[in-house]
Amino acid sequence: MRSRTPDRLCAEAVELARTAAEEAALPGMVGEHVEVAADGDRVVTHFFACKDPGYRGWRWAVTVTRASRAKAVTLDETVLLPGPDALLAPEWVPWSERLRPGDMGPGDLLPTEADDLRLEPGWTGEDVPPPNSAVSEEMAELAEAEDADVTAGPPSAQPTTPLRGTIASVAEELGLRRARVLSRYGLHTAADRWDETHGAKTPMAQAAPASCESCGFLARIGGSLGQAFGVCANEFGPADGHVVSLAYGCGGHSEAAVMPKPPRPSEPVIDETLVDPLPLRQAEAESSEDESSADDLGHA
């Protein structure tokens, strides 16, 4: 079983590790010695604080080692690693989870997945009516259970008039018991307002792939206005909860093309046979730039 006690000679090579860290970092960016950790037999890593403001909480890690029965400590590698309190970039979040209601603009497309839970087929392909249909067996049994009990005999013999059979109840269901209703002028002015805000001439509708008439998120409304308007039920759409014209449209159309998933990048290929020179200090970088500019101008 390997011991995790740091090798004595490797643990004492602090100055060797500091020199390696200073060669890799910019001048003055290597701080105090933080700790030493054993990575294996005669393999030790020294940690130094990083003073670079852009790498708060990071540490320079310099790994040193020595051969068996050898007293000379050699350098293994130098790398900048995050510490326990390091400032790290936030985790990447897919665009579908970052999107919020109201983020869409003219020309933007919001693809709808085929298995979106907010949509369902417009037809079932079966002759059996849906469970919530007025002619289904469940609705018939429910309506029969709610019927009022009527005593046999003429109407005068009834104790009370059945509520469901009165003209007032029918008028209430049809919306005829209101004192006043919208006139034709009121309907036209409302249609003009709605068409101006969410109509076919808006920039959003001009850039839309299709109109609301063919969108699965459109909730139909009754009455004469239902022939030209509906209610948007797409929470990510710009008109969610608003009355929209059937000629209106946006990028959140239910039948918008599903965007393909981004391709997964291939594994990086590292050529370890070639070495690219990289200046580590600002002075070296400026001197190399001055030499290159002098060559371009033809100066000796």
Protein backbone atom coordinates (compact mmCIF):
# COMPACT_ATOMS: atom_id res chain seq x y z
CA MET A 1 0.00 0.00 0.00
CA ARG A 2 1.45 3.37 -1.04
CA SER A 3 2.06 5.98 1.60
CA ARG A 4 0.56 9.45 1.17
CA THR A 5 3.17 11.11 3.38
CA PRO A 6 5.02 13.72 1.28
CA ASP A 7 8.54 12.77 0.35
CA ARG A 8 10.98 14.79 2.48
CA LEU A 9 13.31 15.87 -0.29
CA CYS A 10 10.46 16.75 -2.63
CA ALA A 11 8.62 18.63 0.12
CA GLU A 12 11.73 20.70 0.85
CA ALA A 13 12.09 21.76 -2.81
CA VAL A 14 9.95 24.87 -2.33
CA GLU A 15 12.34 27.23 -4.08
CA LEU A 16 12.60 24.93 -7.09
CA ALA A 17 8.80 24.90 -7.35
CA ARG A 18 8.57 28.67 -6.90
CA THR A 19 11.10 29.28 -9.65
CA ALA A 20 9.10 27.08 -12.01
CA ALA A 21 5.87 28.92 -11.15
CA GLU A 22 7.49 32.32 -11.71
CA GLU A 23 8.75 31.22 -15.11
CA ALA A 24 5.23 30.17 -16.15
CA ALA A 25 3.41 33.21 -14.71
CA LEU A 26 3.75 36.92 -15.33
CA PRO A 27 6.18 38.79 -13.08
CA GLY A 28 4.84 39.35 -9.57
CA MET A 29 1.85 37.03 -9.97
CA VAL A 30 3.12 34.19 -7.75
CA GLY A 31 2.22 34.59 -4.09
CA GLU A 32 3.08 32.78 -0.91
CA HIS A 33 3.44 29.03 -0.55
CA VAL A 34 0.03 27.65 0.42
CA GLU A 35 0.43 23.93 0.97
CA VAL A 36 2.14 20.77 -0.18
CA ALA A 37 0.38 17.53 -1.10
CA ALA A 38 1.67 14.04 -1.88
CA ASP A 39 0.47 12.61 -5.19
CA GLY A 40 2.34 9.32 -4.89
CA ASP A 41 5.70 7.81 -4.05
CA ARG A 42 8.29 10.60 -4.38
CA VAL A 43 5.74 12.79 -6.21
CA VAL A 44 4.77 16.04 -4.47
CA THR A 45 2.77 19.09 -5.58
CA HIS A 46 3.49 22.56 -4.19
CA PHE A 47 0.68 25.14 -4.27
CA PHE A 48 1.34 28.89 -4.51
CA ALA A 49 -1.24 31.68 -4.35
CA CYS A 50 -2.04 33.47 -7.61
CA LYS A 51 -2.09 37.27 -7.44
CA ASP A 52 -3.68 37.79 -10.85
CA PRO A 53 -6.96 39.71 -10.29
CA GLY A 54 -8.61 37.73 -13.06
CA TYR A 55 -7.94 34.42 -11.27
CA ARG A 56 -9.13 35.10 -7.76
CA GLY A 57 -8.83 32.01 -5.59
CA TRP A 58 -6.71 30.09 -8.12
CA ARG A 59 -3.36 28.55 -7.24
CA TRP A 60 -0.18 27.68 -9.09
CA ALA A 61 0.42 23.94 -8.75
CA VAL A 62 4.00 22.77 -9.32
CA THR A 63 4.61 19.03 -9.23
CA VAL A 64 8.13 17.77 -8.46
CA THR A 65 9.52 14.27 -8.21
CA ARG A 66 12.73 12.31 -7.84
CA ALA A 67 13.92 8.91 -8.96
CA SER A 68 14.34 6.00 -6.59
CA ARG A 69 17.53 6.26 -4.50
CA ALA A 70 18.23 9.68 -6.09
CA LYS A 71 18.61 12.90 -4.14
CA ALA A 72 18.11 15.30 -7.05
CA VAL A 73 14.56 16.64 -7.27
CA THR A 74 13.30 17.37 -10.79
CA LEU A 75 10.37 19.34 -12.13
CA ASP A 76 7.34 17.44 -13.45
CA GLU A 77 4.75 20.05 -14.49
CA THR A 78 3.38 23.50 -13.68
CA VAL A 79 -0.28 24.36 -14.01
CA LEU A 80 -2.81 26.91 -12.73
CA LEU A 81 -5.66 25.20 -10.86
CA PRO A 82 -8.78 26.55 -9.09
CA GLY A 83 -8.79 26.48 -5.32
CA PRO A 84 -11.74 25.78 -3.02
CA ASP A 85 -12.84 29.46 -3.16
CA ALA A 86 -11.86 30.11 -6.79
CA LEU A 87 -13.89 32.34 -9.05
CA LEU A 88 -15.26 30.01 -11.75
CA ALA A 89 -17.46 30.55 -14.77
CA PRO A 90 -21.12 29.54 -14.31
CA GLU A 91 -22.28 26.25 -15.72
CA TRP A 92 -23.54 26.34 -19.28
CA VAL A 93 -27.34 26.34 -19.60
CA PRO A 94 -29.06 25.29 -22.86
CA TRP A 95 -30.90 28.04 -24.73
CA SER A 96 -34.24 26.28 -24.22
CA GLU A 97 -33.85 26.67 -20.44
CA ARG A 98 -32.54 30.25 -20.62
CA LEU A 99 -35.52 31.45 -22.68
CA ARG A 100 -38.09 33.49 -20.78
CA PRO A 101 -41.48 34.90 -21.81
CA GLY A 102 -41.03 38.15 -23.72
CA ASP A 103 -37.54 37.36 -25.06
CA MET A 104 -38.72 36.87 -28.64
CA GLY A 105 -38.42 39.65 -31.18
CA PRO A 106 -39.31 40.14 -34.85
CA GLY A 107 -37.68 37.47 -36.99
CA ASP A 108 -36.90 35.10 -34.08
CA LEU A 109 -38.01 31.47 -34.37
CA LEU A 110 -38.96 29.29 -31.41
CA PRO A 111 -38.94 25.64 -32.57
CA THR A 112 -41.53 23.37 -31.00
CA GLU A 113 -40.52 19.80 -30.25
CA ALA A 114 -42.66 16.96 -31.57
CA ASP A 115 -43.35 15.72 -28.02
CA ASP A 116 -44.25 19.14 -26.57
CA LEU A 117 -46.70 18.51 -23.70
CA ARG A 118 -48.54 21.75 -24.44
CA LEU A 119 -49.81 20.40 -27.78
CA GLU A 120 -51.83 17.38 -28.82
CA PRO A 121 -53.15 16.06 -32.15
CA GLY A 122 -56.19 17.87 -33.55
CA TRP A 123 -57.87 14.55 -34.35
CA THR A 124 -57.76 11.00 -32.94
CA GLY A 125 -58.66 9.01 -36.04
CA GLU A 126 -61.29 7.02 -34.12
CA ASP A 127 -65.07 7.02 -34.27
CA VAL A 128 -65.39 6.99 -30.48
CA PRO A 129 -66.00 10.55 -29.20
CA PRO A 130 -63.49 12.01 -26.73
CA PRO A 131 -64.33 11.68 -23.00
CA ASN A 132 -65.21 15.37 -22.72
CA SER A 133 -67.51 15.30 -25.76
CA ALA A 134 -71.18 16.12 -25.32
CA VAL A 135 -72.17 12.78 -26.88
CA SER A 136 -69.85 10.57 -24.84
CA GLU A 137 -71.25 8.07 -22.34
CA GLU A 138 -69.54 9.79 -19.40
CA MET A 139 -71.14 13.15 -20.20
CA ALA A 140 -74.53 11.53 -20.76
CA GLU A 141 -74.42 9.84 -17.36
CA LEU A 142 -73.34 13.08 -15.74
CA ALA A 143 -76.16 15.03 -17.35
CA GLU A 144 -78.70 12.37 -16.34
CA ALA A 145 -77.52 12.51 -12.73
CA GLU A 146 -77.89 16.29 -12.67
CA ASP A 147 -81.46 16.29 -14.01
CA ALA A 148 -84.05 17.59 -11.57
CA ASP A 149 -86.57 15.17 -10.11
CA VAL A 150 -90.01 15.99 -11.52
CA THR A 151 -93.20 14.87 -9.85
CA ALA A 152 -95.68 13.19 -12.14
CA GLY A 153 -98.66 15.32 -13.05
CA PRO A 154 -99.51 18.66 -14.68
CA PRO A 155 -97.22 21.68 -14.19
CA SER A 156 -99.55 23.06 -11.52
CA ALA A 157 -98.87 19.97 -9.42
CA GLN A 158 -95.12 20.53 -9.39
CA PRO A 159 -93.76 21.86 -6.04
CA THR A 160 -91.25 24.17 -7.77
CA THR A 161 -90.45 24.99 -11.35
CA PRO A 162 -87.29 23.09 -12.53
CA LEU A 163 -84.50 25.62 -12.89
CA ARG A 164 -83.01 23.95 -15.96
CA GLY A 165 -86.26 24.17 -17.82
CA THR A 166 -87.00 27.85 -17.35
CA ILE A 167 -86.57 30.48 -20.02
CA ALA A 168 -84.36 32.48 -17.67
CA SER A 169 -81.86 29.64 -17.34
CA VAL A 170 -81.70 29.19 -21.11
CA ALA A 171 -81.27 32.92 -21.61
CA GLU A 172 -78.49 32.97 -19.02
CA GLU A 173 -76.63 30.19 -20.85
CA LEU A 174 -76.93 32.12 -24.11
CA GLY A 175 -75.80 35.36 -22.52
CA LEU A 176 -79.12 37.13 -23.12
CA ARG A 177 -79.78 38.23 -19.54
CA ARG A 178 -77.33 41.15 -19.68
CA ALA A 179 -78.88 44.58 -19.73
CA ARG A 180 -76.74 45.72 -22.66
CA VAL A 181 -74.35 44.03 -25.08
CA LEU A 182 -71.79 45.26 -27.60
CA SER A 183 -73.21 47.02 -30.60
CA ARG A 184 -71.87 46.59 -34.11
CA TYR A 185 -69.87 49.80 -33.66
CA GLY A 186 -68.38 48.48 -30.44
CA LEU A 187 -67.38 45.24 -32.16
CA HIS A 188 -65.70 47.10 -35.02
CA THR A 189 -63.75 49.45 -32.75
CA ALA A 190 -62.54 46.53 -30.62
CA ALA A 191 -61.48 44.64 -33.76
CA ASP A 192 -59.57 47.70 -35.00
CA ARG A 193 -57.68 48.03 -31.70
CA TRP A 194 -56.77 44.36 -31.57
CA ASP A 195 -55.71 44.28 -35.20
CA GLU A 196 -53.49 47.32 -34.68
CA THR A 197 -51.58 45.76 -31.76
CA HIS A 198 -51.58 42.10 -32.83
CA GLY A 199 -52.49 42.11 -36.51
CA ALA A 200 -51.01 41.19 -39.84
CA LYS A 201 -49.26 44.55 -40.36
CA THR A 202 -47.10 44.40 -37.23
CA PRO A 203 -43.33 43.77 -37.57
CA MET A 204 -43.68 40.52 -35.64
CA ALA A 205 -46.29 39.16 -38.04
CA GLN A 206 -44.31 40.26 -41.09
CA ALA A 207 -41.31 38.18 -39.94
CA ALA A 208 -43.34 35.17 -38.75
CA PRO A 209 -43.08 31.82 -40.56
CA ALA A 210 -46.88 31.32 -40.52
CA SER A 211 -50.06 32.91 -39.21
CA CYS A 212 -51.91 32.19 -35.99
CA GLU A 213 -54.75 30.54 -37.89
CA SER A 214 -52.66 27.36 -38.25
CA CYS A 215 -50.98 27.53 -34.82
CA GLY A 216 -51.80 24.95 -32.17
CA PHE A 217 -51.40 27.53 -29.39
CA LEU A 218 -54.38 29.55 -30.65
CA ALA A 219 -57.43 29.33 -28.37
CA ARG A 220 -60.63 30.02 -30.28
CA ILE A 221 -63.20 32.49 -28.98
CA GLY A 222 -66.94 32.51 -29.56
CA GLY A 223 -69.19 35.08 -31.15
CA SER A 224 -68.70 37.03 -34.33
CA LEU A 225 -65.20 38.16 -33.28
CA GLY A 226 -64.11 34.52 -33.23
CA GLN A 227 -64.17 34.56 -37.04
CA ALA A 228 -61.12 36.83 -37.09
CA PHE A 229 -59.53 36.66 -33.62
CA GLY A 230 -58.38 34.21 -30.98
CA VAL A 231 -56.32 34.12 -27.79
CA CYS A 232 -52.62 33.20 -27.77
CA ALA A 233 -51.77 30.47 -25.25
CA ASN A 234 -48.00 30.22 -25.85
CA GLU A 235 -46.26 31.35 -22.67
CA PHE A 236 -43.04 32.12 -24.57
CA GLY A 237 -44.80 34.08 -27.29
CA PRO A 238 -44.93 37.89 -27.30
CA ALA A 239 -48.75 37.88 -27.24
CA ASP A 240 -49.40 35.29 -24.52
CA GLY A 241 -52.84 35.88 -23.02
CA HIS A 242 -53.73 38.57 -25.59
CA VAL A 243 -56.37 38.58 -28.30
CA VAL A 244 -54.59 38.16 -31.64
CA SER A 245 -55.76 38.34 -35.21
CA LEU A 246 -55.84 35.09 -37.15
CA ALA A 247 -53.49 36.79 -39.61
CA TYR A 248 -51.01 37.60 -36.84
CA GLY A 249 -47.96 35.42 -36.29
CA CYS A 250 -44.69 35.09 -34.39
CA GLY A 251 -41.67 32.84 -34.19
CA GLY A 252 -43.33 30.69 -31.55
CA HIS A 253 -45.65 29.03 -34.09
CA SER A 254 -46.41 25.46 -33.07
CA GLU A 255 -45.39 24.10 -36.47
CA ALA A 256 -42.12 26.01 -36.73
CA ALA A 257 -39.27 23.91 -38.01
CA VAL A 258 -37.46 22.04 -35.25
CA MET A 259 -33.90 23.27 -35.15
CA PRO A 260 -31.31 20.48 -35.24
CA LYS A 261 -29.25 19.86 -32.16
CA PRO A 262 -25.81 21.48 -32.22
CA PRO A 263 -23.13 19.05 -33.36
CA ARG A 264 -20.91 17.67 -30.67
CA PRO A 265 -17.34 18.87 -31.14
CA SER A 266 -14.76 16.21 -31.75
CA GLU A 267 -12.07 15.43 -29.24
CA PRO A 268 -9.09 17.77 -29.53
CA VAL A 269 -6.01 16.34 -31.19
CA ILE A 270 -2.79 17.46 -29.55
CA ASP A 271 0.44 17.16 -31.51
CA GLU A 272 3.12 16.70 -28.87
CA THR A 273 5.92 16.48 -31.44
CA LEU A 274 5.90 20.23 -32.19
CA VAL A 275 6.55 23.14 -29.85
CA ASP A 276 5.09 26.61 -30.40
CA PRO A 277 7.03 29.47 -28.73
CA LEU A 278 4.81 31.54 -26.47
CA PRO A 279 6.16 34.68 -24.72
CA LEU A 280 5.28 34.60 -21.03
CA ARG A 281 6.35 38.13 -20.18
CA GLN A 282 5.14 41.43 -21.53
CA ALA A 283 8.67 42.61 -22.30
CA GLU A 284 9.40 39.59 -24.47
CA ALA A 285 6.15 40.04 -26.38
CA GLU A 286 6.86 43.74 -27.04
CA SER A 287 10.45 43.07 -28.17
CA SER A 288 9.26 40.39 -30.60
CA GLU A 289 6.64 42.79 -32.00
CA ASP A 290 9.28 45.53 -32.43
CA GLU A 291 11.59 43.15 -34.31
CA SER A 292 8.78 42.03 -36.61
CA SER A 293 7.77 45.65 -37.35
CA ALA A 294 11.37 46.58 -38.06
CA ASP A 295 11.66 43.73 -40.53
CA ASP A 296 8.53 44.86 -42.31
CA LEU A 297 9.91 48.39 -42.72
CA GLY A 298 13.24 47.08 -44.04
CA HIS A 299 15.31 48.43 -41.11
CA ALA A 300 18.45 46.60 -40.09
